[in-house]
Amino acid sequence: MSQEIAVVGSPEFTTGFRLAGVRKFADIPNEEKDERLDDAVEEMLTDDDVGIVVMHDDDMERLSRGVRKDAETSVEPVLVTLGASGAGSGGLREQIKRAIGIDLMDED
């Protein structure tokens, strides 16, 4: 069972996670994201030790179509995005449902 949390993004985004003890990370400066982001996400998605990949919402939009589809449909590791553009309850609700397989907020 995968135990590690990995974070992908700019050094400013990953620093807090690293200070909290996350050991797997990919620091990608903004000016290099177009060239390196896809590879970094693919590497984390194929790492058997990683159970959760965290990245910023804006970076998700920069992924190529194929890598984005792989990330969005991945069950293990599950991808969790943080940030202003998709942080509403609907986005987080779907991420939780995909991660654990049930809807904790089901009103029926």
PDB file of N, CA and C in Angstrom:
ATOM      1  N   MET A   1       0.843  -1.185   0.000  1.00  0.00           N
ATOM      2  CA  MET A   1       0.000   0.000   0.000  1.00  0.00           C
ATOM      3  C   MET A   1       0.878   1.235   0.000  1.00  0.00           C
ATOM      4  N   SER A   2       0.539   2.201  -0.833  1.00  0.00           N
ATOM      5  CA  SER A   2       1.318   3.423  -0.968  1.00  0.00           C
ATOM      6  C   SER A   2       1.140   4.311   0.254  1.00  0.00           C
ATOM      7  N   GLN A   3       2.237   4.858   0.733  1.00  0.00           N
ATOM      8  CA  GLN A   3       2.197   5.652   1.953  1.00  0.00           C
ATOM      9  C   GLN A   3       2.652   7.093   1.789  1.00  0.00           C
ATOM     10  N   GLU A   4       3.424   7.391   0.772  1.00  0.00           N
ATOM     11  CA  GLU A   4       4.051   8.699   0.640  1.00  0.00           C
ATOM     12  C   GLU A   4       3.106   9.732   0.020  1.00  0.00           C
ATOM     13  N   ILE A   5       3.282  10.968   0.455  1.00  0.00           N
ATOM     14  CA  ILE A   5       2.642  12.109  -0.182  1.00  0.00           C
ATOM     15  C   ILE A   5       3.714  12.774  -1.024  1.00  0.00           C
ATOM     16  N   ALA A   6       3.362  13.139  -2.239  1.00  0.00           N
ATOM     17  CA  ALA A   6       4.288  13.840  -3.121  1.00  0.00           C
ATOM     18  C   ALA A   6       3.652  15.163  -3.517  1.00  0.00           C
ATOM     19  N   VAL A   7       4.483  16.162  -3.742  1.00  0.00           N
ATOM     20  CA  VAL A   7       3.984  17.467  -4.149  1.00  0.00           C
ATOM     21  C   VAL A   7       4.766  17.937  -5.370  1.00  0.00           C
ATOM     22  N   VAL A   8       4.030  18.507  -6.331  1.00  0.00           N
ATOM     23  CA  VAL A   8       4.619  18.979  -7.582  1.00  0.00           C
ATOM     24  C   VAL A   8       4.213  20.436  -7.763  1.00  0.00           C
ATOM     25  N   GLY A   9       5.197  21.283  -8.044  1.00  0.00           N
ATOM     26  CA  GLY A   9       4.865  22.680  -8.306  1.00  0.00           C
ATOM     27  C   GLY A   9       6.048  23.597  -8.134  1.00  0.00           C
ATOM     28  N   SER A  10       5.741  24.865  -8.068  1.00  0.00           N
ATOM     29  CA  SER A  10       6.783  25.874  -7.908  1.00  0.00           C
ATOM     30  C   SER A  10       7.421  25.729  -6.527  1.00  0.00           C
ATOM     31  N   PRO A  11       8.652  26.192  -6.386  1.00  0.00           N
ATOM     32  CA  PRO A  11       9.293  26.135  -5.065  1.00  0.00           C
ATOM     33  C   PRO A  11       8.464  26.823  -3.979  1.00  0.00           C
ATOM     34  N   GLU A  12       7.767  27.889  -4.328  1.00  0.00           N
ATOM     35  CA  GLU A  12       6.920  28.576  -3.355  1.00  0.00           C
ATOM     36  C   GLU A  12       5.775  27.681  -2.896  1.00  0.00           C
ATOM     37  N   PHE A  13       5.236  26.871  -3.801  1.00  0.00           N
ATOM     38  CA  PHE A  13       4.130  25.974  -3.467  1.00  0.00           C
ATOM     39  C   PHE A  13       4.602  24.777  -2.651  1.00  0.00           C
ATOM     40  N   THR A  14       5.744  24.227  -2.990  1.00  0.00           N
ATOM     41  CA  THR A  14       6.203  22.996  -2.333  1.00  0.00           C
ATOM     42  C   THR A  14       6.856  23.232  -0.974  1.00  0.00           C
ATOM     43  N   THR A  15       7.332  24.438  -0.713  1.00  0.00           N
ATOM     44  CA  THR A  15       8.080  24.701   0.520  1.00  0.00           C
ATOM     45  C   THR A  15       7.304  24.349   1.779  1.00  0.00           C
ATOM     46  N   GLY A  16       6.063  24.753   1.871  1.00  0.00           N
ATOM     47  CA  GLY A  16       5.259  24.448   3.055  1.00  0.00           C
ATOM     48  C   GLY A  16       5.104  22.959   3.283  1.00  0.00           C
ATOM     49  N   PHE A  17       4.914  22.220   2.216  1.00  0.00           N
ATOM     50  CA  PHE A  17       4.783  20.768   2.326  1.00  0.00           C
ATOM     51  C   PHE A  17       6.103  20.144   2.781  1.00  0.00           C
ATOM     52  N   ARG A  18       7.200  20.652   2.244  1.00  0.00           N
ATOM     53  CA  ARG A  18       8.512  20.136   2.629  1.00  0.00           C
ATOM     54  C   ARG A  18       8.781  20.417   4.093  1.00  0.00           C
ATOM     55  N   LEU A  19       8.410  21.599   4.578  1.00  0.00           N
ATOM     56  CA  LEU A  19       8.581  21.923   5.994  1.00  0.00           C
ATOM     57  C   LEU A  19       7.716  21.038   6.890  1.00  0.00           C
ATOM     58  N   ALA A  20       6.599  20.575   6.345  1.00  0.00           N
ATOM     59  CA  ALA A  20       5.709  19.685   7.090  1.00  0.00           C
ATOM     60  C   ALA A  20       6.166  18.228   7.040  1.00  0.00           C
ATOM     61  N   GLY A  21       7.244  17.947   6.292  1.00  0.00           N
ATOM     62  CA  GLY A  21       7.787  16.595   6.287  1.00  0.00           C
ATOM     63  C   GLY A  21       7.614  15.807   5.007  1.00  0.00           C
ATOM     64  N   VAL A  22       7.017  16.402   3.977  1.00  0.00           N
ATOM     65  CA  VAL A  22       6.880  15.698   2.702  1.00  0.00           C
ATOM     66  C   VAL A  22       8.260  15.576   2.075  1.00  0.00           C
ATOM     67  N   ARG A  23       8.645  14.344   1.782  1.00  0.00           N
ATOM     68  CA  ARG A  23       9.987  14.095   1.254  1.00  0.00           C
ATOM     69  C   ARG A  23      10.047  13.944  -0.251  1.00  0.00           C
ATOM     70  N   LYS A  24       8.942  13.626  -0.870  1.00  0.00           N
ATOM     71  CA  LYS A  24       8.932  13.479  -2.335  1.00  0.00           C
ATOM     72  C   LYS A  24       8.327  14.745  -2.927  1.00  0.00           C
ATOM     73  N   PHE A  25       9.108  15.415  -3.736  1.00  0.00           N
ATOM     74  CA  PHE A  25       8.623  16.646  -4.333  1.00  0.00           C
ATOM     75  C   PHE A  25       9.350  16.908  -5.637  1.00  0.00           C
ATOM     76  N   ALA A  26       8.723  17.735  -6.463  1.00  0.00           N
ATOM     77  CA  ALA A  26       9.348  18.207  -7.696  1.00  0.00           C
ATOM     78  C   ALA A  26       9.177  19.716  -7.725  1.00  0.00           C
ATOM     79  N   ASP A  27      10.273  20.428  -7.487  1.00  0.00           N
ATOM     80  CA  ASP A  27      10.280  21.888  -7.576  1.00  0.00           C
ATOM     81  C   ASP A  27      10.472  22.279  -9.028  1.00  0.00           C
ATOM     82  N   ILE A  28       9.506  22.988  -9.575  1.00  0.00           N
ATOM     83  CA  ILE A  28       9.587  23.402 -10.972  1.00  0.00           C
ATOM     84  C   ILE A  28       9.320  24.907 -11.031  1.00  0.00           C
ATOM     85  N   PRO A  29      10.352  25.695 -11.288  1.00  0.00           N
ATOM     86  CA  PRO A  29      10.144  27.141 -11.416  1.00  0.00           C
ATOM     87  C   PRO A  29       9.121  27.446 -12.511  1.00  0.00           C
ATOM     88  N   ASN A  30       8.378  28.515 -12.337  1.00  0.00           N
ATOM     89  CA  ASN A  30       7.316  28.869 -13.287  1.00  0.00           C
ATOM     90  C   ASN A  30       7.808  28.939 -14.724  1.00  0.00           C
ATOM     91  N   GLU A  31       9.011  29.446 -14.929  1.00  0.00           N
ATOM     92  CA  GLU A  31       9.505  29.586 -16.300  1.00  0.00           C
ATOM     93  C   GLU A  31       9.863  28.244 -16.947  1.00  0.00           C
ATOM     94  N   GLU A  32       9.901  27.162 -16.165  1.00  0.00           N
ATOM     95  CA  GLU A  32      10.235  25.841 -16.705  1.00  0.00           C
ATOM     96  C   GLU A  32       9.045  24.886 -16.733  1.00  0.00           C
ATOM     97  N   LYS A  33       7.892  25.338 -16.296  1.00  0.00           N
ATOM     98  CA  LYS A  33       6.741  24.434 -16.170  1.00  0.00           C
ATOM     99  C   LYS A  33       6.297  23.844 -17.498  1.00  0.00           C
ATOM    100  N   ASP A  34       6.326  24.628 -18.551  1.00  0.00           N
ATOM    101  CA  ASP A  34       5.877  24.104 -19.848  1.00  0.00           C
ATOM    102  C   ASP A  34       6.734  22.931 -20.308  1.00  0.00           C
ATOM    103  N   GLU A  35       8.013  22.931 -19.957  1.00  0.00           N
ATOM    104  CA  GLU A  35       8.909  21.857 -20.380  1.00  0.00           C
ATOM    105  C   GLU A  35       8.948  20.684 -19.401  1.00  0.00           C
ATOM    106  N   ARG A  36       8.777  20.933 -18.113  1.00  0.00           N
ATOM    107  CA  ARG A  36       9.056  19.898 -17.111  1.00  0.00           C
ATOM    108  C   ARG A  36       7.852  19.374 -16.331  1.00  0.00           C
ATOM    109  N   LEU A  37       6.721  20.052 -16.387  1.00  0.00           N
ATOM    110  CA  LEU A  37       5.587  19.680 -15.541  1.00  0.00           C
ATOM    111  C   LEU A  37       5.028  18.303 -15.883  1.00  0.00           C
ATOM    112  N   ASP A  38       4.819  18.013 -17.161  1.00  0.00           N
ATOM    113  CA  ASP A  38       4.287  16.707 -17.564  1.00  0.00           C
ATOM    114  C   ASP A  38       5.164  15.566 -17.040  1.00  0.00           C
ATOM    115  N   ASP A  39       6.464  15.689 -17.239  1.00  0.00           N
ATOM    116  CA  ASP A  39       7.382  14.631 -16.804  1.00  0.00           C
ATOM    117  C   ASP A  39       7.341  14.433 -15.295  1.00  0.00           C
ATOM    118  N   ALA A  40       7.287  15.529 -14.548  1.00  0.00           N
ATOM    119  CA  ALA A  40       7.263  15.435 -13.087  1.00  0.00           C
ATOM    120  C   ALA A  40       5.996  14.742 -12.596  1.00  0.00           C
ATOM    121  N   VAL A  41       4.861  15.090 -13.183  1.00  0.00           N
ATOM    122  CA  VAL A  41       3.594  14.469 -12.770  1.00  0.00           C
ATOM    123  C   VAL A  41       3.586  12.989 -13.155  1.00  0.00           C
ATOM    124  N   GLU A  42       4.029  12.666 -14.363  1.00  0.00           N
ATOM    125  CA  GLU A  42       4.089  11.258 -14.773  1.00  0.00           C
ATOM    126  C   GLU A  42       4.982  10.449 -13.842  1.00  0.00           C
ATOM    127  N   GLU A  43       6.103  11.021 -13.446  1.00  0.00           N
ATOM    128  CA  GLU A  43       7.021  10.327 -12.540  1.00  0.00           C
ATOM    129  C   GLU A  43       6.348  10.030 -11.199  1.00  0.00           C
ATOM    130  N   MET A  44       5.622  10.992 -10.661  1.00  0.00           N
ATOM    131  CA  MET A  44       4.944  10.786  -9.378  1.00  0.00           C
ATOM    132  C   MET A  44       3.805   9.771  -9.508  1.00  0.00           C
ATOM    133  N   LEU A  45       3.097   9.813 -10.629  1.00  0.00           N
ATOM    134  CA  LEU A  45       1.977   8.887 -10.820  1.00  0.00           C
ATOM    135  C   LEU A  45       2.439   7.441 -10.966  1.00  0.00           C
ATOM    136  N   THR A  46       3.667   7.233 -11.419  1.00  0.00           N
ATOM    137  CA  THR A  46       4.167   5.871 -11.604  1.00  0.00           C
ATOM    138  C   THR A  46       5.036   5.391 -10.447  1.00  0.00           C
ATOM    139  N   ASP A  47       5.251   6.230  -9.451  1.00  0.00           N
ATOM    140  CA  ASP A  47       6.055   5.864  -8.285  1.00  0.00           C
ATOM    141  C   ASP A  47       5.204   5.002  -7.345  1.00  0.00           C
ATOM    142  N   ASP A  48       5.612   3.761  -7.126  1.00  0.00           N
ATOM    143  CA  ASP A  48       4.844   2.828  -6.296  1.00  0.00           C
ATOM    144  C   ASP A  48       4.760   3.249  -4.834  1.00  0.00           C
ATOM    145  N   ASP A  49       5.639   4.119  -4.387  1.00  0.00           N
ATOM    146  CA  ASP A  49       5.630   4.558  -2.995  1.00  0.00           C
ATOM    147  C   ASP A  49       4.678   5.727  -2.748  1.00  0.00           C
ATOM    148  N   VAL A  50       4.164   6.333  -3.801  1.00  0.00           N
ATOM    149  CA  VAL A  50       3.329   7.525  -3.670  1.00  0.00           C
ATOM    150  C   VAL A  50       1.849   7.138  -3.657  1.00  0.00           C
ATOM    151  N   GLY A  51       1.128   7.641  -2.653  1.00  0.00           N
ATOM    152  CA  GLY A  51      -0.307   7.398  -2.550  1.00  0.00           C
ATOM    153  C   GLY A  51      -1.135   8.623  -2.860  1.00  0.00           C
ATOM    154  N   ILE A  52      -0.544   9.817  -2.645  1.00  0.00           N
ATOM    155  CA  ILE A  52      -1.237  11.080  -2.896  1.00  0.00           C
ATOM    156  C   ILE A  52      -0.269  12.031  -3.582  1.00  0.00           C
ATOM    157  N   VAL A  53      -0.718  12.636  -4.671  1.00  0.00           N
ATOM    158  CA  VAL A  53       0.058  13.666  -5.360  1.00  0.00           C
ATOM    159  C   VAL A  53      -0.705  14.975  -5.204  1.00  0.00           C
ATOM    160  N   VAL A  54      -0.020  15.999  -4.714  1.00  0.00           N
ATOM    161  CA  VAL A  54      -0.629  17.306  -4.496  1.00  0.00           C
ATOM    162  C   VAL A  54      -0.031  18.291  -5.488  1.00  0.00           C
ATOM    163  N   MET A  55      -0.893  19.074  -6.114  1.00  0.00           N
ATOM    164  CA  MET A  55      -0.412  20.138  -6.995  1.00  0.00           C
ATOM    165  C   MET A  55      -1.419  21.272  -7.010  1.00  0.00           C
ATOM    166  N   HIS A  56      -1.008  22.416  -7.535  1.00  0.00           N
ATOM    167  CA  HIS A  56      -1.876  23.594  -7.596  1.00  0.00           C
ATOM    168  C   HIS A  56      -2.842  23.463  -8.768  1.00  0.00           C
ATOM    169  N   ASP A  57      -4.057  23.995  -8.591  1.00  0.00           N
ATOM    170  CA  ASP A  57      -5.067  23.979  -9.655  1.00  0.00           C
ATOM    171  C   ASP A  57      -4.541  24.557 -10.959  1.00  0.00           C
ATOM    172  N   ASP A  58      -3.838  25.682 -10.867  1.00  0.00           N
ATOM    173  CA  ASP A  58      -3.343  26.335 -12.082  1.00  0.00           C
ATOM    174  C   ASP A  58      -2.377  25.440 -12.853  1.00  0.00           C
ATOM    175  N   ASP A  59      -1.591  24.645 -12.137  1.00  0.00           N
ATOM    176  CA  ASP A  59      -0.653  23.746 -12.802  1.00  0.00           C
ATOM    177  C   ASP A  59      -1.382  22.615 -13.519  1.00  0.00           C
ATOM    178  N   MET A  60      -2.504  22.218 -13.003  1.00  0.00           N
ATOM    179  CA  MET A  60      -3.296  21.170 -13.659  1.00  0.00           C
ATOM    180  C   MET A  60      -3.681  21.609 -15.068  1.00  0.00           C
ATOM    181  N   GLU A  61      -3.983  22.890 -15.225  1.00  0.00           N
ATOM    182  CA  GLU A  61      -4.363  23.419 -16.534  1.00  0.00           C
ATOM    183  C   GLU A  61      -3.196  23.423 -17.519  1.00  0.00           C
ATOM    184  N   ARG A  62      -1.972  23.403 -17.016  1.00  0.00           N
ATOM    185  CA  ARG A  62      -0.785  23.443 -17.881  1.00  0.00           C
ATOM    186  C   ARG A  62      -0.373  22.062 -18.389  1.00  0.00           C
ATOM    187  N   LEU A  63      -0.966  21.008 -17.840  1.00  0.00           N
ATOM    188  CA  LEU A  63      -0.609  19.651 -18.264  1.00  0.00           C
ATOM    189  C   LEU A  63      -1.120  19.375 -19.670  1.00  0.00           C
ATOM    190  N   SER A  64      -0.412  18.517 -20.377  1.00  0.00           N
ATOM    191  CA  SER A  64      -0.899  18.093 -21.693  1.00  0.00           C
ATOM    192  C   SER A  64      -2.174  17.278 -21.497  1.00  0.00           C
ATOM    193  N   ARG A  65      -2.931  17.137 -22.548  1.00  0.00           N
ATOM    194  CA  ARG A  65      -4.217  16.442 -22.462  1.00  0.00           C
ATOM    195  C   ARG A  65      -4.081  15.021 -21.912  1.00  0.00           C
ATOM    196  N   GLY A  66      -3.092  14.280 -22.406  1.00  0.00           N
ATOM    197  CA  GLY A  66      -2.924  12.892 -21.972  1.00  0.00           C
ATOM    198  C   GLY A  66      -2.524  12.767 -20.513  1.00  0.00           C
ATOM    199  N   VAL A  67      -1.586  13.582 -20.081  1.00  0.00           N
ATOM    200  CA  VAL A  67      -1.141  13.530 -18.682  1.00  0.00           C
ATOM    201  C   VAL A  67      -2.262  14.001 -17.759  1.00  0.00           C
ATOM    202  N   ARG A  68      -3.003  15.023 -18.174  1.00  0.00           N
ATOM    203  CA  ARG A  68      -4.124  15.499 -17.358  1.00  0.00           C
ATOM    204  C   ARG A  68      -5.176  14.401 -17.192  1.00  0.00           C
ATOM    205  N   LYS A  69      -5.460  13.688 -18.279  1.00  0.00           N
ATOM    206  CA  LYS A  69      -6.452  12.608 -18.202  1.00  0.00           C
ATOM    207  C   LYS A  69      -5.953  11.510 -17.255  1.00  0.00           C
ATOM    208  N   ASP A  70      -4.679  11.138 -17.368  1.00  0.00           N
ATOM    209  CA  ASP A  70      -4.107  10.135 -16.461  1.00  0.00           C
ATOM    210  C   ASP A  70      -4.208  10.594 -15.012  1.00  0.00           C
ATOM    211  N   ALA A  71      -3.909  11.855 -14.767  1.00  0.00           N
ATOM    212  CA  ALA A  71      -3.943  12.387 -13.408  1.00  0.00           C
ATOM    213  C   ALA A  71      -5.363  12.429 -12.863  1.00  0.00           C
ATOM    214  N   GLU A  72      -6.309  12.857 -13.679  1.00  0.00           N
ATOM    215  CA  GLU A  72      -7.695  12.977 -13.231  1.00  0.00           C
ATOM    216  C   GLU A  72      -8.346  11.626 -12.972  1.00  0.00           C
ATOM    217  N   THR A  73      -7.920  10.606 -13.684  1.00  0.00           N
ATOM    218  CA  THR A  73      -8.545   9.287 -13.534  1.00  0.00           C
ATOM    219  C   THR A  73      -7.765   8.349 -12.627  1.00  0.00           C
ATOM    220  N   SER A  74      -6.617   8.784 -12.148  1.00  0.00           N
ATOM    221  CA  SER A  74      -5.798   7.935 -11.295  1.00  0.00           C
ATOM    222  C   SER A  74      -6.474   7.706  -9.940  1.00  0.00           C
ATOM    223  N   VAL A  75      -6.541   6.445  -9.545  1.00  0.00           N
ATOM    224  CA  VAL A  75      -7.106   6.097  -8.248  1.00  0.00           C
ATOM    225  C   VAL A  75      -5.992   5.944  -7.221  1.00  0.00           C
ATOM    226  N   GLU A  76      -4.904   5.355  -7.626  1.00  0.00           N
ATOM    227  CA  GLU A  76      -3.732   5.250  -6.747  1.00  0.00           C
ATOM    228  C   GLU A  76      -2.484   5.457  -7.574  1.00  0.00           C
ATOM    229  N   PRO A  77      -1.797   6.532  -7.383  1.00  0.00           N
ATOM    230  CA  PRO A  77      -2.069   7.557  -6.381  1.00  0.00           C
ATOM    231  C   PRO A  77      -3.209   8.473  -6.813  1.00  0.00           C
ATOM    232  N   VAL A  78      -3.850   9.052  -5.835  1.00  0.00           N
ATOM    233  CA  VAL A  78      -4.910  10.013  -6.118  1.00  0.00           C
ATOM    234  C   VAL A  78      -4.271  11.395  -6.214  1.00  0.00           C
ATOM    235  N   LEU A  79      -4.751  12.190  -7.158  1.00  0.00           N
ATOM    236  CA  LEU A  79      -4.257  13.550  -7.331  1.00  0.00           C
ATOM    237  C   LEU A  79      -5.191  14.509  -6.618  1.00  0.00           C
ATOM    238  N   VAL A  80      -4.627  15.375  -5.795  1.00  0.00           N
ATOM    239  CA  VAL A  80      -5.385  16.388  -5.081  1.00  0.00           C
ATOM    240  C   VAL A  80      -4.860  17.738  -5.524  1.00  0.00           C
ATOM    241  N   THR A  81      -5.762  18.603  -5.987  1.00  0.00           N
ATOM    242  CA  THR A  81      -5.343  19.939  -6.396  1.00  0.00           C
ATOM    243  C   THR A  81      -5.812  20.950  -5.368  1.00  0.00           C
ATOM    244  N   LEU A  82      -4.986  21.954  -5.162  1.00  0.00           N
ATOM    245  CA  LEU A  82      -5.296  23.024  -4.217  1.00  0.00           C
ATOM    246  C   LEU A  82      -5.177  24.348  -4.935  1.00  0.00           C
ATOM    247  N   GLY A  83      -5.908  25.342  -4.494  1.00  0.00           N
ATOM    248  CA  GLY A  83      -5.781  26.662  -5.082  1.00  0.00           C
ATOM    249  C   GLY A  83      -7.124  27.330  -5.245  1.00  0.00           C
ATOM    250  N   ALA A  84      -7.089  28.541  -5.741  1.00  0.00           N
ATOM    251  CA  ALA A  84      -8.276  29.378  -5.809  1.00  0.00           C
ATOM    252  C   ALA A  84      -9.287  28.938  -6.858  1.00  0.00           C
ATOM    253  N   SER A  85      -8.830  28.465  -8.007  1.00  0.00           N
ATOM    254  CA  SER A  85      -9.758  28.272  -9.123  1.00  0.00           C
ATOM    255  C   SER A  85     -10.693  27.083  -8.972  1.00  0.00           C
ATOM    256  N   GLY A  86     -10.349  26.048  -8.216  1.00  0.00           N
ATOM    257  CA  GLY A  86     -11.239  24.895  -8.107  1.00  0.00           C
ATOM    258  C   GLY A  86     -11.455  24.450  -6.682  1.00  0.00           C
ATOM    259  N   ALA A  87     -11.280  25.364  -5.733  1.00  0.00           N
ATOM    260  CA  ALA A  87     -11.327  24.969  -4.332  1.00  0.00           C
ATOM    261  C   ALA A  87     -12.738  24.933  -3.779  1.00  0.00           C
ATOM    262  N   GLY A  88     -13.744  25.099  -4.616  1.00  0.00           N
ATOM    263  CA  GLY A  88     -15.105  25.036  -4.133  1.00  0.00           C
ATOM    264  C   GLY A  88     -15.453  23.654  -3.636  1.00  0.00           C
ATOM    265  N   SER A  89     -16.556  23.544  -2.896  1.00  0.00           N
ATOM    266  CA  SER A  89     -16.909  22.270  -2.278  1.00  0.00           C
ATOM    267  C   SER A  89     -17.158  21.175  -3.308  1.00  0.00           C
ATOM    268  N   GLY A  90     -17.635  21.526  -4.504  1.00  0.00           N
ATOM    269  CA  GLY A  90     -17.875  20.517  -5.527  1.00  0.00           C
ATOM    270  C   GLY A  90     -16.593  19.842  -5.962  1.00  0.00           C
ATOM    271  N   GLY A  91     -15.532  20.610  -6.194  1.00  0.00           N
ATOM    272  CA  GLY A  91     -14.256  20.047  -6.608  1.00  0.00           C
ATOM    273  C   GLY A  91     -13.647  19.180  -5.528  1.00  0.00           C
ATOM    274  N   LEU A  92     -13.635  19.673  -4.308  1.00  0.00           N
ATOM    275  CA  LEU A  92     -13.078  18.909  -3.192  1.00  0.00           C
ATOM    276  C   LEU A  92     -13.928  17.673  -2.928  1.00  0.00           C
ATOM    277  N   ARG A  93     -15.223  17.804  -3.024  1.00  0.00           N
ATOM    278  CA  ARG A  93     -16.127  16.669  -2.814  1.00  0.00           C
ATOM    279  C   ARG A  93     -15.832  15.540  -3.800  1.00  0.00           C
ATOM    280  N   GLU A  94     -15.633  15.900  -5.056  1.00  0.00           N
ATOM    281  CA  GLU A  94     -15.310  14.895  -6.070  1.00  0.00           C
ATOM    282  C   GLU A  94     -13.955  14.244  -5.811  1.00  0.00           C
ATOM    283  N   GLN A  95     -12.982  15.008  -5.353  1.00  0.00           N
ATOM    284  CA  GLN A  95     -11.663  14.456  -5.051  1.00  0.00           C
ATOM    285  C   GLN A  95     -11.752  13.454  -3.898  1.00  0.00           C
ATOM    286  N   ILE A  96     -12.514  13.786  -2.871  1.00  0.00           N
ATOM    287  CA  ILE A  96     -12.673  12.879  -1.731  1.00  0.00           C
ATOM    288  C   ILE A  96     -13.402  11.615  -2.172  1.00  0.00           C
ATOM    289  N   LYS A  97     -14.457  11.776  -2.948  1.00  0.00           N
ATOM    290  CA  LYS A  97     -15.224  10.619  -3.427  1.00  0.00           C
ATOM    291  C   LYS A  97     -14.345   9.694  -4.257  1.00  0.00           C
ATOM    292  N   ARG A  98     -13.514  10.271  -5.124  1.00  0.00           N
ATOM    293  CA  ARG A  98     -12.625   9.454  -5.947  1.00  0.00           C
ATOM    294  C   ARG A  98     -11.568   8.765  -5.086  1.00  0.00           C
ATOM    295  N   ALA A  99     -11.084   9.458  -4.052  1.00  0.00           N
ATOM    296  CA  ALA A  99     -10.021   8.905  -3.228  1.00  0.00           C
ATOM    297  C   ALA A  99     -10.489   7.737  -2.375  1.00  0.00           C
ATOM    298  N   ILE A 100     -11.689   7.837  -1.799  1.00  0.00           N
ATOM    299  CA  ILE A 100     -12.131   6.789  -0.878  1.00  0.00           C
ATOM    300  C   ILE A 100     -13.254   5.923  -1.417  1.00  0.00           C
ATOM    301  N   GLY A 101     -13.825   6.331  -2.546  1.00  0.00           N
ATOM    302  CA  GLY A 101     -14.817   5.478  -3.195  1.00  0.00           C
ATOM    303  C   GLY A 101     -16.251   5.691  -2.768  1.00  0.00           C
ATOM    304  N   ILE A 102     -16.502   6.587  -1.814  1.00  0.00           N
ATOM    305  CA  ILE A 102     -17.875   6.868  -1.398  1.00  0.00           C
ATOM    306  C   ILE A 102     -18.053   8.368  -1.223  1.00  0.00           C
ATOM    307  N   ASP A 103     -19.291   8.804  -1.278  1.00  0.00           N
ATOM    308  CA  ASP A 103     -19.608  10.211  -1.091  1.00  0.00           C
ATOM    309  C   ASP A 103     -20.011  10.417   0.359  1.00  0.00           C
ATOM    310  N   LEU A 104     -19.147  11.019   1.137  1.00  0.00           N
ATOM    311  CA  LEU A 104     -19.411  11.232   2.563  1.00  0.00           C
ATOM    312  C   LEU A 104     -20.520  12.233   2.809  1.00  0.00           C
ATOM    313  N   MET A 105     -20.818  13.047   1.801  1.00  0.00           N
ATOM    314  CA  MET A 105     -21.816  14.095   1.968  1.00  0.00           C
ATOM    315  C   MET A 105     -23.115  13.747   1.270  1.00  0.00           C
ATOM    316  N   ASP A 106     -23.314  12.480   0.967  1.00  0.00           N
ATOM    317  CA  ASP A 106     -24.510  12.037   0.265  1.00  0.00           C
ATOM    318  C   ASP A 106     -25.719  12.312   1.165  1.00  0.00           C
ATOM    319  N   GLU A 107     -26.685  13.064   0.636  1.00  0.00           N
ATOM    320  CA  GLU A 107     -27.837  13.473   1.420  1.00  0.00           C
ATOM    321  C   GLU A 107     -29.006  12.503   1.315  1.00  0.00           C
ATOM    322  N   ASP A 108     -28.882  11.480   0.512  1.00  0.00           N
ATOM    323  CA  ASP A 108     -29.979  10.514   0.331  1.00  0.00           C
ATOM    324  C   ASP A 108     -29.963   9.459   1.386  1.00  0.00           C
TER     325      ASP A 108
END
